[in-house]
Amino acid sequence: MHTVSIVLNIAADKADAFEHAFEENEVPIWRDLHEKGIMVRASLSPLDISTVTKKGAKQYLVLAQFKEPSGHHAHDSDPRFERWNEMADAYQPEEPFVFGGDSLYEVGG
């Protein structure tokens, strides 16, 4: 299992618009990859807990799990994601924190 997690720093005054745009642009890609068996699961979660806050930003955790690392590449090279990623930059006054790697342990699911 390949896990990718990203903490997005979204301008607080743009959070509602960001959530709607995320649903319109990213969620369909997730659904397609999940239906193809490439993506195991994915979620967008507003954070109530963070040890690294950014003033004026609402933080979101994006978590995506793929069967293999190639799934992450399939996602990022999707033309729809390339368009969305460029659009999403307008919501982010601060750079995101990005982490990824192969999972050692999984429980549940």
PDB file of N, CA and C in Angstrom:
ATOM      1  N   MET A   1       0.849  -1.164   0.000  1.00  0.00           N
ATOM      2  CA  MET A   1       0.000   0.000   0.000  1.00  0.00           C
ATOM      3  C   MET A   1       0.901   1.237   0.000  1.00  0.00           C
ATOM      4  N   HIS A   2       0.562   2.188  -0.841  1.00  0.00           N
ATOM      5  CA  HIS A   2       1.307   3.453  -0.929  1.00  0.00           C
ATOM      6  C   HIS A   2       0.405   4.561  -0.383  1.00  0.00           C
ATOM      7  N   THR A   3       0.879   5.265   0.635  1.00  0.00           N
ATOM      8  CA  THR A   3       0.083   6.290   1.293  1.00  0.00           C
ATOM      9  C   THR A   3       0.680   7.663   1.045  1.00  0.00           C
ATOM     10  N   VAL A   4      -0.191   8.597   0.689  1.00  0.00           N
ATOM     11  CA  VAL A   4       0.214   9.992   0.487  1.00  0.00           C
ATOM     12  C   VAL A   4      -0.659  10.840   1.395  1.00  0.00           C
ATOM     13  N   SER A   5      -0.023  11.739   2.141  1.00  0.00           N
ATOM     14  CA  SER A   5      -0.780  12.675   2.974  1.00  0.00           C
ATOM     15  C   SER A   5      -0.258  14.081   2.720  1.00  0.00           C
ATOM     16  N   ILE A   6      -1.197  15.001   2.658  1.00  0.00           N
ATOM     17  CA  ILE A   6      -0.877  16.398   2.371  1.00  0.00           C
ATOM     18  C   ILE A   6      -1.675  17.253   3.337  1.00  0.00           C
ATOM     19  N   VAL A   7      -1.016  18.225   3.949  1.00  0.00           N
ATOM     20  CA  VAL A   7      -1.728  19.224   4.735  1.00  0.00           C
ATOM     21  C   VAL A   7      -1.769  20.485   3.885  1.00  0.00           C
ATOM     22  N   LEU A   8      -2.982  20.850   3.490  1.00  0.00           N
ATOM     23  CA  LEU A   8      -3.197  22.054   2.693  1.00  0.00           C
ATOM     24  C   LEU A   8      -3.470  23.233   3.621  1.00  0.00           C
ATOM     25  N   ASN A   9      -2.884  24.360   3.320  1.00  0.00           N
ATOM     26  CA  ASN A   9      -3.106  25.605   4.047  1.00  0.00           C
ATOM     27  C   ASN A   9      -3.948  26.502   3.145  1.00  0.00           C
ATOM     28  N   ILE A  10      -5.252  26.550   3.422  1.00  0.00           N
ATOM     29  CA  ILE A  10      -6.204  27.268   2.580  1.00  0.00           C
ATOM     30  C   ILE A  10      -6.579  28.584   3.260  1.00  0.00           C
ATOM     31  N   ALA A  11      -6.601  29.665   2.502  1.00  0.00           N
ATOM     32  CA  ALA A  11      -7.011  30.959   3.056  1.00  0.00           C
ATOM     33  C   ALA A  11      -8.385  30.787   3.694  1.00  0.00           C
ATOM     34  N   ALA A  12      -8.515  31.167   4.967  1.00  0.00           N
ATOM     35  CA  ALA A  12      -9.757  30.941   5.714  1.00  0.00           C
ATOM     36  C   ALA A  12     -10.960  31.550   5.009  1.00  0.00           C
ATOM     37  N   ASP A  13     -10.785  32.701   4.390  1.00  0.00           N
ATOM     38  CA  ASP A  13     -11.917  33.354   3.726  1.00  0.00           C
ATOM     39  C   ASP A  13     -12.277  32.710   2.390  1.00  0.00           C
ATOM     40  N   LYS A  14     -11.485  31.740   1.948  1.00  0.00           N
ATOM     41  CA  LYS A  14     -11.760  31.030   0.705  1.00  0.00           C
ATOM     42  C   LYS A  14     -12.097  29.555   0.942  1.00  0.00           C
ATOM     43  N   ALA A  15     -12.228  29.166   2.207  1.00  0.00           N
ATOM     44  CA  ALA A  15     -12.397  27.749   2.542  1.00  0.00           C
ATOM     45  C   ALA A  15     -13.658  27.149   1.930  1.00  0.00           C
ATOM     46  N   ASP A  16     -14.780  27.842   2.020  1.00  0.00           N
ATOM     47  CA  ASP A  16     -16.020  27.296   1.458  1.00  0.00           C
ATOM     48  C   ASP A  16     -15.908  27.104  -0.054  1.00  0.00           C
ATOM     49  N   ALA A  17     -15.363  28.092  -0.736  1.00  0.00           N
ATOM     50  CA  ALA A  17     -15.187  27.990  -2.188  1.00  0.00           C
ATOM     51  C   ALA A  17     -14.227  26.855  -2.530  1.00  0.00           C
ATOM     52  N   PHE A  18     -13.164  26.699  -1.735  1.00  0.00           N
ATOM     53  CA  PHE A  18     -12.207  25.622  -1.942  1.00  0.00           C
ATOM     54  C   PHE A  18     -12.899  24.264  -1.821  1.00  0.00           C
ATOM     55  N   GLU A  19     -13.713  24.085  -0.771  1.00  0.00           N
ATOM     56  CA  GLU A  19     -14.377  22.801  -0.561  1.00  0.00           C
ATOM     57  C   GLU A  19     -15.282  22.445  -1.744  1.00  0.00           C
ATOM     58  N   HIS A  20     -16.014  23.424  -2.254  1.00  0.00           N
ATOM     59  CA  HIS A  20     -16.879  23.172  -3.415  1.00  0.00           C
ATOM     60  C   HIS A  20     -16.049  22.842  -4.658  1.00  0.00           C
ATOM     61  N   ALA A  21     -14.974  23.582  -4.869  1.00  0.00           N
ATOM     62  CA  ALA A  21     -14.119  23.329  -6.034  1.00  0.00           C
ATOM     63  C   ALA A  21     -13.443  21.965  -5.924  1.00  0.00           C
ATOM     64  N   PHE A  22     -13.050  21.577  -4.711  1.00  0.00           N
ATOM     65  CA  PHE A  22     -12.438  20.267  -4.489  1.00  0.00           C
ATOM     66  C   PHE A  22     -13.421  19.167  -4.871  1.00  0.00           C
ATOM     67  N   GLU A  23     -14.667  19.323  -4.423  1.00  0.00           N
ATOM     68  CA  GLU A  23     -15.690  18.319  -4.729  1.00  0.00           C
ATOM     69  C   GLU A  23     -15.931  18.213  -6.237  1.00  0.00           C
ATOM     70  N   GLU A  24     -15.916  19.324  -6.919  1.00  0.00           N
ATOM     71  CA  GLU A  24     -16.167  19.330  -8.360  1.00  0.00           C
ATOM     72  C   GLU A  24     -14.984  18.824  -9.176  1.00  0.00           C
ATOM     73  N   ASN A  25     -13.771  19.072  -8.715  1.00  0.00           N
ATOM     74  CA  ASN A  25     -12.592  18.788  -9.531  1.00  0.00           C
ATOM     75  C   ASN A  25     -11.776  17.574  -9.103  1.00  0.00           C
ATOM     76  N   GLU A  26     -11.618  17.349  -7.808  1.00  0.00           N
ATOM     77  CA  GLU A  26     -10.769  16.250  -7.342  1.00  0.00           C
ATOM     78  C   GLU A  26     -11.558  14.975  -7.079  1.00  0.00           C
ATOM     79  N   VAL A  27     -12.706  15.091  -6.464  1.00  0.00           N
ATOM     80  CA  VAL A  27     -13.470  13.897  -6.097  1.00  0.00           C
ATOM     81  C   VAL A  27     -13.796  13.017  -7.305  1.00  0.00           C
ATOM     82  N   PRO A  28     -14.156  13.562  -8.474  1.00  0.00           N
ATOM     83  CA  PRO A  28     -14.391  12.675  -9.630  1.00  0.00           C
ATOM     84  C   PRO A  28     -13.146  11.868 -10.036  1.00  0.00           C
ATOM     85  N   ILE A  29     -11.987  12.447  -9.880  1.00  0.00           N
ATOM     86  CA  ILE A  29     -10.744  11.713 -10.189  1.00  0.00           C
ATOM     87  C   ILE A  29     -10.588  10.567  -9.203  1.00  0.00           C
ATOM     88  N   TRP A  30     -10.815  10.844  -7.928  1.00  0.00           N
ATOM     89  CA  TRP A  30     -10.743   9.791  -6.915  1.00  0.00           C
ATOM     90  C   TRP A  30     -11.708   8.661  -7.242  1.00  0.00           C
ATOM     91  N   ARG A  31     -12.926   9.010  -7.605  1.00  0.00           N
ATOM     92  CA  ARG A  31     -13.927   7.975  -7.912  1.00  0.00           C
ATOM     93  C   ARG A  31     -13.473   7.107  -9.086  1.00  0.00           C
ATOM     94  N   ASP A  32     -12.960   7.756 -10.116  1.00  0.00           N
ATOM     95  CA  ASP A  32     -12.480   7.000 -11.288  1.00  0.00           C
ATOM     96  C   ASP A  32     -11.352   6.050 -10.915  1.00  0.00           C
ATOM     97  N   LEU A  33     -10.379   6.538 -10.160  1.00  0.00           N
ATOM     98  CA  LEU A  33      -9.242   5.697  -9.777  1.00  0.00           C
ATOM     99  C   LEU A  33      -9.673   4.575  -8.840  1.00  0.00           C
ATOM    100  N   HIS A  34     -10.637   4.853  -7.983  1.00  0.00           N
ATOM    101  CA  HIS A  34     -11.151   3.823  -7.079  1.00  0.00           C
ATOM    102  C   HIS A  34     -11.885   2.738  -7.872  1.00  0.00           C
ATOM    103  N   GLU A  35     -12.717   3.154  -8.820  1.00  0.00           N
ATOM    104  CA  GLU A  35     -13.449   2.185  -9.646  1.00  0.00           C
ATOM    105  C   GLU A  35     -12.513   1.309 -10.467  1.00  0.00           C
ATOM    106  N   LYS A  36     -11.366   1.852 -10.849  1.00  0.00           N
ATOM    107  CA  LYS A  36     -10.372   1.087 -11.623  1.00  0.00           C
ATOM    108  C   LYS A  36      -9.506   0.203 -10.726  1.00  0.00           C
ATOM    109  N   GLY A  37      -9.674   0.308  -9.403  1.00  0.00           N
ATOM    110  CA  GLY A  37      -8.883  -0.496  -8.478  1.00  0.00           C
ATOM    111  C   GLY A  37      -7.490   0.056  -8.218  1.00  0.00           C
ATOM    112  N   ILE A  38      -7.233   1.276  -8.623  1.00  0.00           N
ATOM    113  CA  ILE A  38      -5.914   1.897  -8.440  1.00  0.00           C
ATOM    114  C   ILE A  38      -5.813   2.552  -7.069  1.00  0.00           C
ATOM    115  N   MET A  39      -6.888   3.254  -6.675  1.00  0.00           N
ATOM    116  CA  MET A  39      -6.924   3.946  -5.390  1.00  0.00           C
ATOM    117  C   MET A  39      -7.756   3.117  -4.420  1.00  0.00           C
ATOM    118  N   VAL A  40      -7.207   2.896  -3.244  1.00  0.00           N
ATOM    119  CA  VAL A  40      -7.908   2.127  -2.227  1.00  0.00           C
ATOM    120  C   VAL A  40      -8.896   3.022  -1.487  1.00  0.00           C
ATOM    121  N   ARG A  41      -8.442   4.205  -1.087  1.00  0.00           N
ATOM    122  CA  ARG A  41      -9.294   5.164  -0.384  1.00  0.00           C
ATOM    123  C   ARG A  41      -8.667   6.536  -0.448  1.00  0.00           C
ATOM    124  N   ALA A  42      -9.514   7.545  -0.225  1.00  0.00           N
ATOM    125  CA  ALA A  42      -9.028   8.917  -0.169  1.00  0.00           C
ATOM    126  C   ALA A  42     -10.015   9.742   0.639  1.00  0.00           C
ATOM    127  N   SER A  43      -9.504  10.779   1.284  1.00  0.00           N
ATOM    128  CA  SER A  43     -10.380  11.647   2.062  1.00  0.00           C
ATOM    129  C   SER A  43      -9.806  13.057   2.132  1.00  0.00           C
ATOM    130  N   LEU A  44     -10.721  13.997   2.361  1.00  0.00           N
ATOM    131  CA  LEU A  44     -10.373  15.388   2.640  1.00  0.00           C
ATOM    132  C   LEU A  44     -10.988  15.699   3.997  1.00  0.00           C
ATOM    133  N   SER A  45     -10.161  16.106   4.962  1.00  0.00           N
ATOM    134  CA  SER A  45     -10.635  16.352   6.321  1.00  0.00           C
ATOM    135  C   SER A  45     -10.165  17.710   6.821  1.00  0.00           C
ATOM    136  N   PRO A  46     -11.101  18.589   7.215  1.00  0.00           N
ATOM    137  CA  PRO A  46     -10.692  19.829   7.866  1.00  0.00           C
ATOM    138  C   PRO A  46     -10.032  19.464   9.194  1.00  0.00           C
ATOM    139  N   LEU A  47      -8.943  20.119   9.511  1.00  0.00           N
ATOM    140  CA  LEU A  47      -8.201  19.768  10.720  1.00  0.00           C
ATOM    141  C   LEU A  47      -8.635  20.601  11.918  1.00  0.00           C
ATOM    142  N   ASP A  48      -8.908  19.904  13.016  1.00  0.00           N
ATOM    143  CA  ASP A  48      -9.160  20.547  14.300  1.00  0.00           C
ATOM    144  C   ASP A  48      -7.897  20.544  15.151  1.00  0.00           C
ATOM    145  N   ILE A  49      -6.949  19.685  14.798  1.00  0.00           N
ATOM    146  CA  ILE A  49      -5.699  19.549  15.540  1.00  0.00           C
ATOM    147  C   ILE A  49      -4.542  19.722  14.576  1.00  0.00           C
ATOM    148  N   SER A  50      -3.608  20.593  14.922  1.00  0.00           N
ATOM    149  CA  SER A  50      -2.401  20.775  14.112  1.00  0.00           C
ATOM    150  C   SER A  50      -1.311  21.362  14.997  1.00  0.00           C
ATOM    151  N   THR A  51      -0.121  20.826  14.885  1.00  0.00           N
ATOM    152  CA  THR A  51       1.001  21.378  15.653  1.00  0.00           C
ATOM    153  C   THR A  51       1.737  22.456  14.870  1.00  0.00           C
ATOM    154  N   VAL A  52       1.363  22.616  13.599  1.00  0.00           N
ATOM    155  CA  VAL A  52       1.995  23.631  12.757  1.00  0.00           C
ATOM    156  C   VAL A  52       0.876  24.426  12.080  1.00  0.00           C
ATOM    157  N   THR A  53       0.368  25.415  12.760  1.00  0.00           N
ATOM    158  CA  THR A  53      -0.711  26.215  12.195  1.00  0.00           C
ATOM    159  C   THR A  53      -0.142  27.377  11.386  1.00  0.00           C
ATOM    160  N   LYS A  54      -0.955  27.893  10.502  1.00  0.00           N
ATOM    161  CA  LYS A  54      -0.598  29.046   9.681  1.00  0.00           C
ATOM    162  C   LYS A  54      -1.657  30.110   9.893  1.00  0.00           C
ATOM    163  N   LYS A  55      -1.251  31.303  10.275  1.00  0.00           N
ATOM    164  CA  LYS A  55      -2.186  32.386  10.561  1.00  0.00           C
ATOM    165  C   LYS A  55      -3.036  32.685   9.320  1.00  0.00           C
ATOM    166  N   GLY A  56      -4.349  32.782   9.538  1.00  0.00           N
ATOM    167  CA  GLY A  56      -5.268  33.108   8.450  1.00  0.00           C
ATOM    168  C   GLY A  56      -5.592  31.950   7.541  1.00  0.00           C
ATOM    169  N   ALA A  57      -5.117  30.753   7.891  1.00  0.00           N
ATOM    170  CA  ALA A  57      -5.349  29.583   7.033  1.00  0.00           C
ATOM    171  C   ALA A  57      -6.179  28.541   7.763  1.00  0.00           C
ATOM    172  N   LYS A  58      -7.054  27.894   7.013  1.00  0.00           N
ATOM    173  CA  LYS A  58      -7.759  26.717   7.481  1.00  0.00           C
ATOM    174  C   LYS A  58      -7.021  25.527   6.886  1.00  0.00           C
ATOM    175  N   GLN A  59      -6.690  24.566   7.729  1.00  0.00           N
ATOM    176  CA  GLN A  59      -5.905  23.436   7.242  1.00  0.00           C
ATOM    177  C   GLN A  59      -6.790  22.221   6.969  1.00  0.00           C
ATOM    178  N   TYR A  60      -6.414  21.493   5.929  1.00  0.00           N
ATOM    179  CA  TYR A  60      -7.109  20.271   5.526  1.00  0.00           C
ATOM    180  C   TYR A  60      -6.076  19.171   5.349  1.00  0.00           C
ATOM    181  N   LEU A  61      -6.441  17.977   5.764  1.00  0.00           N
ATOM    182  CA  LEU A  61      -5.625  16.803   5.510  1.00  0.00           C
ATOM    183  C   LEU A  61      -6.200  16.059   4.321  1.00  0.00           C
ATOM    184  N   VAL A  62      -5.378  15.847   3.314  1.00  0.00           N
ATOM    185  CA  VAL A  62      -5.735  14.990   2.186  1.00  0.00           C
ATOM    186  C   VAL A  62      -4.988  13.684   2.412  1.00  0.00           C
ATOM    187  N   LEU A  63      -5.715  12.595   2.428  1.00  0.00           N
ATOM    188  CA  LEU A  63      -5.113  11.283   2.592  1.00  0.00           C
ATOM    189  C   LEU A  63      -5.524  10.421   1.414  1.00  0.00           C
ATOM    190  N   ALA A  64      -4.562   9.848   0.734  1.00  0.00           N
ATOM    191  CA  ALA A  64      -4.844   8.975  -0.406  1.00  0.00           C
ATOM    192  C   ALA A  64      -4.003   7.717  -0.274  1.00  0.00           C
ATOM    193  N   GLN A  65      -4.652   6.579  -0.459  1.00  0.00           N
ATOM    194  CA  GLN A  65      -3.940   5.313  -0.431  1.00  0.00           C
ATOM    195  C   GLN A  65      -4.146   4.597  -1.757  1.00  0.00           C
ATOM    196  N   PHE A  66      -3.036   4.162  -2.295  1.00  0.00           N
ATOM    197  CA  PHE A  66      -3.015   3.482  -3.585  1.00  0.00           C
ATOM    198  C   PHE A  66      -2.476   2.070  -3.392  1.00  0.00           C
ATOM    199  N   LYS A  67      -2.896   1.158  -4.261  1.00  0.00           N
ATOM    200  CA  LYS A  67      -2.391  -0.216  -4.177  1.00  0.00           C
ATOM    201  C   LYS A  67      -0.881  -0.256  -4.384  1.00  0.00           C
ATOM    202  N   GLU A  68      -0.401   0.625  -5.284  1.00  0.00           N
ATOM    203  CA  GLU A  68       1.032   0.660  -5.620  1.00  0.00           C
ATOM    204  C   GLU A  68       1.453   2.103  -5.842  1.00  0.00           C
ATOM    205  N   PRO A  69       2.759   2.406  -5.741  1.00  0.00           N
ATOM    206  CA  PRO A  69       3.225   3.764  -6.010  1.00  0.00           C
ATOM    207  C   PRO A  69       2.824   4.280  -7.391  1.00  0.00           C
ATOM    208  N   SER A  70       2.672   3.388  -8.358  1.00  0.00           N
ATOM    209  CA  SER A  70       2.286   3.820  -9.702  1.00  0.00           C
ATOM    210  C   SER A  70       0.910   4.486  -9.710  1.00  0.00           C
ATOM    211  N   GLY A  71       0.069   4.156  -8.731  1.00  0.00           N
ATOM    212  CA  GLY A  71      -1.236   4.785  -8.628  1.00  0.00           C
ATOM    213  C   GLY A  71      -1.138   6.267  -8.322  1.00  0.00           C
ATOM    214  N   HIS A  72      -0.178   6.621  -7.491  1.00  0.00           N
ATOM    215  CA  HIS A  72       0.066   8.030  -7.180  1.00  0.00           C
ATOM    216  C   HIS A  72       0.475   8.773  -8.448  1.00  0.00           C
ATOM    217  N   HIS A  73       1.303   8.164  -9.242  1.00  0.00           N
ATOM    218  CA  HIS A  73       1.736   8.778 -10.511  1.00  0.00           C
ATOM    219  C   HIS A  73       0.571   8.872 -11.500  1.00  0.00           C
ATOM    220  N   ALA A  74      -0.290   7.859 -11.496  1.00  0.00           N
ATOM    221  CA  ALA A  74      -1.473   7.901 -12.372  1.00  0.00           C
ATOM    222  C   ALA A  74      -2.369   9.075 -11.982  1.00  0.00           C
ATOM    223  N   HIS A  75      -2.506   9.297 -10.701  1.00  0.00           N
ATOM    224  CA  HIS A  75      -3.315  10.429 -10.223  1.00  0.00           C
ATOM    225  C   HIS A  75      -2.698  11.755 -10.649  1.00  0.00           C
ATOM    226  N   ASP A  76      -1.424  11.930 -10.328  1.00  0.00           N
ATOM    227  CA  ASP A  76      -0.780  13.228 -10.562  1.00  0.00           C
ATOM    228  C   ASP A  76      -0.595  13.556 -12.042  1.00  0.00           C
ATOM    229  N   SER A  77      -0.588  12.542 -12.897  1.00  0.00           N
ATOM    230  CA  SER A  77      -0.430  12.805 -14.330  1.00  0.00           C
ATOM    231  C   SER A  77      -1.769  12.911 -15.055  1.00  0.00           C
ATOM    232  N   ASP A  78      -2.869  12.735 -14.333  1.00  0.00           N
ATOM    233  CA  ASP A  78      -4.201  12.877 -14.929  1.00  0.00           C
ATOM    234  C   ASP A  78      -4.386  14.346 -15.340  1.00  0.00           C
ATOM    235  N   PRO A  79      -4.751  14.619 -16.588  1.00  0.00           N
ATOM    236  CA  PRO A  79      -4.918  16.011 -17.038  1.00  0.00           C
ATOM    237  C   PRO A  79      -5.921  16.801 -16.197  1.00  0.00           C
ATOM    238  N   ARG A  80      -6.924  16.111 -15.667  1.00  0.00           N
ATOM    239  CA  ARG A  80      -7.890  16.806 -14.805  1.00  0.00           C
ATOM    240  C   ARG A  80      -7.228  17.277 -13.523  1.00  0.00           C
ATOM    241  N   PHE A  81      -6.345  16.441 -12.969  1.00  0.00           N
ATOM    242  CA  PHE A  81      -5.642  16.850 -11.753  1.00  0.00           C
ATOM    243  C   PHE A  81      -4.671  17.983 -12.040  1.00  0.00           C
ATOM    244  N   GLU A  82      -3.994  17.917 -13.176  1.00  0.00           N
ATOM    245  CA  GLU A  82      -3.058  18.992 -13.525  1.00  0.00           C
ATOM    246  C   GLU A  82      -3.788  20.331 -13.586  1.00  0.00           C
ATOM    247  N   ARG A  83      -4.990  20.356 -14.160  1.00  0.00           N
ATOM    248  CA  ARG A  83      -5.795  21.593 -14.196  1.00  0.00           C
ATOM    249  C   ARG A  83      -6.224  22.008 -12.795  1.00  0.00           C
ATOM    250  N   TRP A  84      -6.735  21.042 -12.026  1.00  0.00           N
ATOM    251  CA  TRP A  84      -7.199  21.337 -10.677  1.00  0.00           C
ATOM    252  C   TRP A  84      -6.052  21.818  -9.785  1.00  0.00           C
ATOM    253  N   ASN A  85      -4.916  21.199  -9.879  1.00  0.00           N
ATOM    254  CA  ASN A  85      -3.769  21.569  -9.054  1.00  0.00           C
ATOM    255  C   ASN A  85      -3.379  23.028  -9.298  1.00  0.00           C
ATOM    256  N   GLU A  86      -3.424  23.437 -10.537  1.00  0.00           N
ATOM    257  CA  GLU A  86      -3.125  24.828 -10.871  1.00  0.00           C
ATOM    258  C   GLU A  86      -4.190  25.763 -10.288  1.00  0.00           C
ATOM    259  N   MET A  87      -5.455  25.380 -10.391  1.00  0.00           N
ATOM    260  CA  MET A  87      -6.542  26.185  -9.827  1.00  0.00           C
ATOM    261  C   MET A  87      -6.436  26.254  -8.304  1.00  0.00           C
ATOM    262  N   ALA A  88      -6.086  25.157  -7.682  1.00  0.00           N
ATOM    263  CA  ALA A  88      -6.032  25.077  -6.220  1.00  0.00           C
ATOM    264  C   ALA A  88      -4.987  26.009  -5.622  1.00  0.00           C
ATOM    265  N   ASP A  89      -3.961  26.324  -6.375  1.00  0.00           N
ATOM    266  CA  ASP A  89      -2.923  27.236  -5.876  1.00  0.00           C
ATOM    267  C   ASP A  89      -3.499  28.587  -5.461  1.00  0.00           C
ATOM    268  N   ALA A  90      -4.574  29.013  -6.114  1.00  0.00           N
ATOM    269  CA  ALA A  90      -5.179  30.314  -5.806  1.00  0.00           C
ATOM    270  C   ALA A  90      -5.800  30.349  -4.412  1.00  0.00           C
ATOM    271  N   TYR A  91      -6.077  29.199  -3.833  1.00  0.00           N
ATOM    272  CA  TYR A  91      -6.674  29.124  -2.500  1.00  0.00           C
ATOM    273  C   TYR A  91      -5.613  29.060  -1.394  1.00  0.00           C
ATOM    274  N   GLN A  92      -4.347  28.881  -1.764  1.00  0.00           N
ATOM    275  CA  GLN A  92      -3.313  28.565  -0.788  1.00  0.00           C
ATOM    276  C   GLN A  92      -2.306  29.708  -0.595  1.00  0.00           C
ATOM    277  N   PRO A  93      -2.418  30.436   0.508  1.00  0.00           N
ATOM    278  CA  PRO A  93      -1.431  31.482   0.772  1.00  0.00           C
ATOM    279  C   PRO A  93      -0.091  30.916   1.255  1.00  0.00           C
ATOM    280  N   GLU A  94      -0.106  29.672   1.689  1.00  0.00           N
ATOM    281  CA  GLU A  94       1.094  28.991   2.186  1.00  0.00           C
ATOM    282  C   GLU A  94       1.255  27.669   1.455  1.00  0.00           C
ATOM    283  N   GLU A  95       2.484  27.246   1.283  1.00  0.00           N
ATOM    284  CA  GLU A  95       2.759  25.962   0.639  1.00  0.00           C
ATOM    285  C   GLU A  95       2.213  24.818   1.489  1.00  0.00           C
ATOM    286  N   PRO A  96       1.791  23.731   0.863  1.00  0.00           N
ATOM    287  CA  PRO A  96       1.321  22.569   1.620  1.00  0.00           C
ATOM    288  C   PRO A  96       2.498  21.781   2.188  1.00  0.00           C
ATOM    289  N   PHE A  97       2.177  20.917   3.127  1.00  0.00           N
ATOM    290  CA  PHE A  97       3.144  19.950   3.648  1.00  0.00           C
ATOM    291  C   PHE A  97       2.783  18.621   2.998  1.00  0.00           C
ATOM    292  N   VAL A  98       3.737  17.971   2.345  1.00  0.00           N
ATOM    293  CA  VAL A  98       3.453  16.755   1.574  1.00  0.00           C
ATOM    294  C   VAL A  98       4.337  15.619   2.078  1.00  0.00           C
ATOM    295  N   PHE A  99       3.706  14.461   2.293  1.00  0.00           N
ATOM    296  CA  PHE A  99       4.414  13.284   2.785  1.00  0.00           C
ATOM    297  C   PHE A  99       3.906  12.064   2.030  1.00  0.00           C
ATOM    298  N   GLY A 100       4.751  11.091   1.813  1.00  0.00           N
ATOM    299  CA  GLY A 100       4.302   9.882   1.147  1.00  0.00           C
ATOM    300  C   GLY A 100       5.299   8.763   1.270  1.00  0.00           C
ATOM    301  N   GLY A 101       4.800   7.547   1.150  1.00  0.00           N
ATOM    302  CA  GLY A 101       5.669   6.384   1.180  1.00  0.00           C
ATOM    303  C   GLY A 101       4.844   5.119   1.286  1.00  0.00           C
ATOM    304  N   ASP A 102       5.536   3.988   1.254  1.00  0.00           N
ATOM    305  CA  ASP A 102       4.861   2.700   1.369  1.00  0.00           C
ATOM    306  C   ASP A 102       4.526   2.440   2.827  1.00  0.00           C
ATOM    307  N   SER A 103       3.317   1.955   3.058  1.00  0.00           N
ATOM    308  CA  SER A 103       2.841   1.695   4.416  1.00  0.00           C
ATOM    309  C   SER A 103       3.469   0.418   4.963  1.00  0.00           C
ATOM    310  N   LEU A 104       3.884   0.484   6.219  1.00  0.00           N
ATOM    311  CA  LEU A 104       4.409  -0.715   6.888  1.00  0.00           C
ATOM    312  C   LEU A 104       3.300  -1.550   7.503  1.00  0.00           C
ATOM    313  N   TYR A 105       2.317  -0.893   8.106  1.00  0.00           N
ATOM    314  CA  TYR A 105       1.246  -1.583   8.799  1.00  0.00           C
ATOM    315  C   TYR A 105      -0.092  -0.969   8.439  1.00  0.00           C
ATOM    316  N   GLU A 106      -1.095  -1.783   8.332  1.00  0.00           N
ATOM    317  CA  GLU A 106      -2.472  -1.342   8.075  1.00  0.00           C
ATOM    318  C   GLU A 106      -3.384  -2.156   8.995  1.00  0.00           C
ATOM    319  N   VAL A 107      -4.321  -1.486   9.619  1.00  0.00           N
ATOM    320  CA  VAL A 107      -5.329  -2.152  10.436  1.00  0.00           C
ATOM    321  C   VAL A 107      -6.676  -1.649   9.988  1.00  0.00           C
ATOM    322  N   GLY A 108      -7.619  -2.518   9.770  1.00  0.00           N
ATOM    323  CA  GLY A 108      -8.951  -2.107   9.375  1.00  0.00           C
ATOM    324  C   GLY A 108      -9.044  -1.874   7.876  1.00  0.00           C
ATOM    325  N   GLY A 109     -10.171  -1.272   7.508  1.00  0.00           N
ATOM    326  CA  GLY A 109     -10.359  -0.938   6.109  1.00  0.00           C
ATOM    327  C   GLY A 109     -11.145  -1.952   5.422  1.00  0.00           C
TER     328      GLY A 109
END
